[in-house]
Amino acid sequence: MSEKNLTAKVSFWKQQEEEHKQKQLINPFSSWEGASHRQKLSKEDEHYGRPVEGSKTEFRGKMAGEMVSHEIIELCCVLRNLGHQQGNGNYHITFRDLFEAYTKISNKLVGMLMRARKQNLVEFEGEMLWQGRDNFVVIALLKETLAILPPPVPGQ
């Protein structure tokens, strides 16, 4: 190995070491002794509770968010396709009917319904829906939601 290659490799690993030290300084869970000089976290800081920009954690979080959004839109499409349109423009379906149809699609129905309600896409009575007990609870797909959905596919 030439001296030039060795110098380049040593330089590379020194740079890696320095980058790691800097990350450990801001890592609130670091047990590294130099981390005592890390900056204090403040809840008022706009970066509080957020991953470091450009990190793999940020990328995975964005991908997960997109996947959940996709699943919520799919749920709303199923509600529109299986529900019965009311005079006010909303689509209604009972939890039992939706549950029976949706088990072939996903096992996360209740979680997706709760997220969709949090985003004001659907509404239903109660905090949580339970199979059996809440079979006749009506779930309403709000008419405002229809604007964000892709057009229905004929034959579904």
C-alpha atoms as a PDB file:
ATOM      1  CA  MET A   1       0.000   0.000   0.000  1.00  0.00           C
ATOM      2  CA  SER A   2       1.379   3.365  -0.939  1.00  0.00           C
ATOM      3  CA  GLU A   3       1.844   6.132   1.603  1.00  0.00           C
ATOM      4  CA  LYS A   4      -0.631   8.307  -0.308  1.00  0.00           C
ATOM      5  CA  ASN A   5      -3.418   5.674  -0.034  1.00  0.00           C
ATOM      6  CA  LEU A   6      -2.701   5.183   3.665  1.00  0.00           C
ATOM      7  CA  THR A   7      -2.836   8.923   4.333  1.00  0.00           C
ATOM      8  CA  ALA A   8      -6.176   9.168   2.490  1.00  0.00           C
ATOM      9  CA  LYS A   9      -7.649   6.301   4.513  1.00  0.00           C
ATOM     10  CA  VAL A  10      -6.457   7.762   7.816  1.00  0.00           C
ATOM     11  CA  SER A  11      -7.922  11.122   6.842  1.00  0.00           C
ATOM     12  CA  PHE A  12     -11.220   9.502   5.893  1.00  0.00           C
ATOM     13  CA  TRP A  13     -11.535   7.687   9.225  1.00  0.00           C
ATOM     14  CA  LYS A  14     -10.582  10.803  11.197  1.00  0.00           C
ATOM     15  CA  GLN A  15     -13.392  12.648   9.411  1.00  0.00           C
ATOM     16  CA  GLN A  16     -15.815   9.794  10.230  1.00  0.00           C
ATOM     17  CA  GLU A  17     -14.751   9.941  13.870  1.00  0.00           C
ATOM     18  CA  GLU A  18     -15.301  13.706  14.054  1.00  0.00           C
ATOM     19  CA  GLU A  19     -18.764  13.444  12.453  1.00  0.00           C
ATOM     20  CA  HIS A  20     -19.705  10.724  14.943  1.00  0.00           C
ATOM     21  CA  LYS A  21     -18.527  12.870  17.879  1.00  0.00           C
ATOM     22  CA  GLN A  22     -20.644  15.794  16.668  1.00  0.00           C
ATOM     23  CA  LYS A  23     -23.714  13.576  16.366  1.00  0.00           C
ATOM     24  CA  GLN A  24     -23.131  12.212  19.872  1.00  0.00           C
ATOM     25  CA  LEU A  25     -22.898  15.752  21.265  1.00  0.00           C
ATOM     26  CA  ILE A  26     -26.467  16.464  20.179  1.00  0.00           C
ATOM     27  CA  ASN A  27     -27.837  12.976  20.892  1.00  0.00           C
ATOM     28  CA  PRO A  28     -29.869  13.258  24.120  1.00  0.00           C
ATOM     29  CA  PHE A  29     -29.462   9.516  24.741  1.00  0.00           C
ATOM     30  CA  SER A  30     -25.710   9.441  24.348  1.00  0.00           C
ATOM     31  CA  SER A  31     -23.719   8.027  27.252  1.00  0.00           C
ATOM     32  CA  TRP A  32     -20.504   9.339  25.739  1.00  0.00           C
ATOM     33  CA  GLU A  33     -18.550  11.407  28.274  1.00  0.00           C
ATOM     34  CA  GLY A  34     -18.171  14.391  25.950  1.00  0.00           C
ATOM     35  CA  ALA A  35     -21.933  14.625  25.607  1.00  0.00           C
ATOM     36  CA  SER A  36     -22.219  16.601  28.820  1.00  0.00           C
ATOM     37  CA  HIS A  37     -21.560  19.704  26.705  1.00  0.00           C
ATOM     38  CA  ARG A  38     -24.517  19.007  24.461  1.00  0.00           C
ATOM     39  CA  GLN A  39     -27.097  21.689  23.944  1.00  0.00           C
ATOM     40  CA  LYS A  40     -30.193  21.539  26.130  1.00  0.00           C
ATOM     41  CA  LEU A  41     -33.430  20.658  24.378  1.00  0.00           C
ATOM     42  CA  SER A  42     -36.256  23.150  24.608  1.00  0.00           C
ATOM     43  CA  LYS A  43     -39.879  22.363  23.805  1.00  0.00           C
ATOM     44  CA  GLU A  44     -40.152  25.778  22.144  1.00  0.00           C
ATOM     45  CA  ASP A  45     -37.428  24.828  19.643  1.00  0.00           C
ATOM     46  CA  GLU A  46     -38.945  24.153  16.196  1.00  0.00           C
ATOM     47  CA  HIS A  47     -36.677  21.091  15.854  1.00  0.00           C
ATOM     48  CA  TYR A  48     -37.819  19.582  19.166  1.00  0.00           C
ATOM     49  CA  GLY A  49     -39.175  16.070  18.649  1.00  0.00           C
ATOM     50  CA  ARG A  50     -38.085  16.011  15.010  1.00  0.00           C
ATOM     51  CA  PRO A  51     -35.339  13.911  13.436  1.00  0.00           C
ATOM     52  CA  VAL A  52     -32.175  15.535  12.150  1.00  0.00           C
ATOM     53  CA  GLU A  53     -32.753  16.952   8.668  1.00  0.00           C
ATOM     54  CA  GLY A  54     -31.521  14.653   5.924  1.00  0.00           C
ATOM     55  CA  SER A  55     -31.147  11.684   8.285  1.00  0.00           C
ATOM     56  CA  LYS A  56     -32.350   8.169   7.590  1.00  0.00           C
ATOM     57  CA  THR A  57     -34.810   8.600  10.460  1.00  0.00           C
ATOM     58  CA  GLU A  58     -36.377  11.598   8.739  1.00  0.00           C
ATOM     59  CA  PHE A  59     -36.577   9.643   5.474  1.00  0.00           C
ATOM     60  CA  ARG A  60     -38.206   6.619   7.158  1.00  0.00           C
ATOM     61  CA  GLY A  61     -40.693   8.893   8.938  1.00  0.00           C
ATOM     62  CA  LYS A  62     -41.708  10.557   5.687  1.00  0.00           C
ATOM     63  CA  MET A  63     -42.092   7.196   3.965  1.00  0.00           C
ATOM     64  CA  ALA A  64     -44.245   5.890   6.824  1.00  0.00           C
ATOM     65  CA  GLY A  65     -46.398   9.036   6.711  1.00  0.00           C
ATOM     66  CA  GLU A  66     -46.937   8.633   2.974  1.00  0.00           C
ATOM     67  CA  MET A  67     -47.847   4.976   3.428  1.00  0.00           C
ATOM     68  CA  VAL A  68     -50.416   5.798   6.132  1.00  0.00           C
ATOM     69  CA  SER A  69     -51.882   8.583   3.979  1.00  0.00           C
ATOM     70  CA  HIS A  70     -52.225   6.112   1.115  1.00  0.00           C
ATOM     71  CA  GLU A  71     -54.012   3.636   3.377  1.00  0.00           C
ATOM     72  CA  ILE A  72     -56.402   6.324   4.638  1.00  0.00           C
ATOM     73  CA  ILE A  73     -57.270   7.337   1.072  1.00  0.00           C
ATOM     74  CA  GLU A  74     -57.810   3.662   0.218  1.00  0.00           C
ATOM     75  CA  LEU A  75     -60.123   3.328   3.246  1.00  0.00           C
ATOM     76  CA  CYS A  76     -62.108   6.393   2.127  1.00  0.00           C
ATOM     77  CA  CYS A  77     -62.445   4.894  -1.369  1.00  0.00           C
ATOM     78  CA  VAL A  78     -63.766   1.654   0.133  1.00  0.00           C
ATOM     79  CA  LEU A  79     -66.231   3.672   2.250  1.00  0.00           C
ATOM     80  CA  ARG A  80     -67.432   5.513  -0.856  1.00  0.00           C
ATOM     81  CA  ASN A  81     -67.730   2.309  -2.904  1.00  0.00           C
ATOM     82  CA  LEU A  82     -69.544   0.249  -0.241  1.00  0.00           C
ATOM     83  CA  GLY A  83     -71.458   2.990   1.569  1.00  0.00           C
ATOM     84  CA  HIS A  84     -74.870   4.409   0.796  1.00  0.00           C
ATOM     85  CA  GLN A  85     -75.043   8.064  -0.196  1.00  0.00           C
ATOM     86  CA  GLN A  86     -77.271  10.174   2.014  1.00  0.00           C
ATOM     87  CA  GLY A  87     -79.231  13.308   1.122  1.00  0.00           C
ATOM     88  CA  ASN A  88     -76.493  15.507   2.626  1.00  0.00           C
ATOM     89  CA  GLY A  89     -73.837  14.025   0.305  1.00  0.00           C
ATOM     90  CA  ASN A  90     -72.136  11.879   2.965  1.00  0.00           C
ATOM     91  CA  TYR A  91     -71.721   8.140   2.503  1.00  0.00           C
ATOM     92  CA  HIS A  92     -72.779   5.891   5.413  1.00  0.00           C
ATOM     93  CA  ILE A  93     -71.894   2.292   6.261  1.00  0.00           C
ATOM     94  CA  THR A  94     -72.126   0.271   9.451  1.00  0.00           C
ATOM     95  CA  PHE A  95     -68.962  -0.827  11.183  1.00  0.00           C
ATOM     96  CA  ARG A  96     -69.915  -4.496  10.729  1.00  0.00           C
ATOM     97  CA  ASP A  97     -70.347  -4.165   6.960  1.00  0.00           C
ATOM     98  CA  LEU A  98     -67.101  -2.236   6.641  1.00  0.00           C
ATOM     99  CA  PHE A  99     -65.245  -4.640   8.928  1.00  0.00           C
ATOM    100  CA  GLU A 100     -66.397  -7.690   6.961  1.00  0.00           C
ATOM    101  CA  ALA A 101     -65.381  -6.147   3.630  1.00  0.00           C
ATOM    102  CA  TYR A 102     -62.159  -4.615   4.908  1.00  0.00           C
ATOM    103  CA  THR A 103     -60.660  -7.750   6.510  1.00  0.00           C
ATOM    104  CA  LYS A 104     -59.605  -8.828   3.036  1.00  0.00           C
ATOM    105  CA  ILE A 105     -57.772  -5.527   2.552  1.00  0.00           C
ATOM    106  CA  SER A 106     -56.049  -4.775   5.863  1.00  0.00           C
ATOM    107  CA  ASN A 107     -55.984  -5.724   9.538  1.00  0.00           C
ATOM    108  CA  LYS A 108     -55.605  -2.077  10.620  1.00  0.00           C
ATOM    109  CA  LEU A 109     -59.167  -0.886  10.040  1.00  0.00           C
ATOM    110  CA  VAL A 110     -59.850   0.633  13.463  1.00  0.00           C
ATOM    111  CA  GLY A 111     -56.515   2.476  13.546  1.00  0.00           C
ATOM    112  CA  MET A 112     -57.076   3.861  10.060  1.00  0.00           C
ATOM    113  CA  LEU A 113     -60.609   4.958  10.985  1.00  0.00           C
ATOM    114  CA  MET A 114     -59.292   6.808  14.027  1.00  0.00           C
ATOM    115  CA  ARG A 115     -56.637   8.551  11.942  1.00  0.00           C
ATOM    116  CA  ALA A 116     -59.192   9.439   9.273  1.00  0.00           C
ATOM    117  CA  ARG A 117     -61.471  10.899  11.954  1.00  0.00           C
ATOM    118  CA  LYS A 118     -58.588  12.926  13.385  1.00  0.00           C
ATOM    119  CA  GLN A 119     -58.126  14.412   9.899  1.00  0.00           C
ATOM    120  CA  ASN A 120     -61.886  15.172   9.649  1.00  0.00           C
ATOM    121  CA  LEU A 121     -62.435  12.745   6.767  1.00  0.00           C
ATOM    122  CA  VAL A 122     -64.945  10.504   8.552  1.00  0.00           C
ATOM    123  CA  GLU A 123     -67.085  10.640  11.649  1.00  0.00           C
ATOM    124  CA  PHE A 124     -68.576   8.038  13.976  1.00  0.00           C
ATOM    125  CA  GLU A 125     -69.831   7.791  17.564  1.00  0.00           C
ATOM    126  CA  GLY A 126     -67.545   6.700  20.373  1.00  0.00           C
ATOM    127  CA  GLU A 127     -63.842   6.754  21.062  1.00  0.00           C
ATOM    128  CA  MET A 128     -63.001   3.270  19.802  1.00  0.00           C
ATOM    129  CA  LEU A 129     -64.854   0.717  17.677  1.00  0.00           C
ATOM    130  CA  TRP A 130     -65.025  -2.893  18.820  1.00  0.00           C
ATOM    131  CA  GLN A 131     -66.103  -5.816  16.673  1.00  0.00           C
ATOM    132  CA  GLY A 132     -69.403  -7.200  17.962  1.00  0.00           C
ATOM    133  CA  ARG A 133     -70.251  -4.397  20.384  1.00  0.00           C
ATOM    134  CA  ASP A 134     -70.170  -1.618  17.771  1.00  0.00           C
ATOM    135  CA  ASN A 135     -71.419  -3.560  14.731  1.00  0.00           C
ATOM    136  CA  PHE A 136     -74.253  -1.101  14.102  1.00  0.00           C
ATOM    137  CA  VAL A 137     -72.319   2.117  14.637  1.00  0.00           C
ATOM    138  CA  VAL A 138     -72.638   4.190  11.470  1.00  0.00           C
ATOM    139  CA  ILE A 139     -69.451   5.503   9.895  1.00  0.00           C
ATOM    140  CA  ALA A 140     -69.900   8.556   7.692  1.00  0.00           C
ATOM    141  CA  LEU A 141     -67.537   9.513   4.906  1.00  0.00           C
ATOM    142  CA  LEU A 142     -67.874  13.293   4.867  1.00  0.00           C
ATOM    143  CA  LYS A 143     -68.775  14.843   1.513  1.00  0.00           C
ATOM    144  CA  GLU A 144     -65.809  17.220   1.755  1.00  0.00           C
ATOM    145  CA  THR A 145     -63.573  14.140   1.657  1.00  0.00           C
ATOM    146  CA  LEU A 146     -64.815  13.207  -1.806  1.00  0.00           C
ATOM    147  CA  ALA A 147     -62.810  16.089  -3.296  1.00  0.00           C
ATOM    148  CA  ILE A 148     -59.481  14.456  -2.337  1.00  0.00           C
ATOM    149  CA  LEU A 149     -60.352  10.969  -3.580  1.00  0.00           C
ATOM    150  CA  PRO A 150     -59.528   9.611  -7.037  1.00  0.00           C
ATOM    151  CA  PRO A 151     -62.567   8.997  -9.243  1.00  0.00           C
ATOM    152  CA  PRO A 152     -64.377   5.694  -8.606  1.00  0.00           C
ATOM    153  CA  VAL A 153     -63.366   2.727 -10.711  1.00  0.00           C
ATOM    154  CA  PRO A 154     -66.377   1.312 -12.623  1.00  0.00           C
ATOM    155  CA  GLY A 155     -67.372  -2.171 -11.480  1.00  0.00           C
ATOM    156  CA  GLN A 156     -66.112  -1.867  -7.908  1.00  0.00           C
END
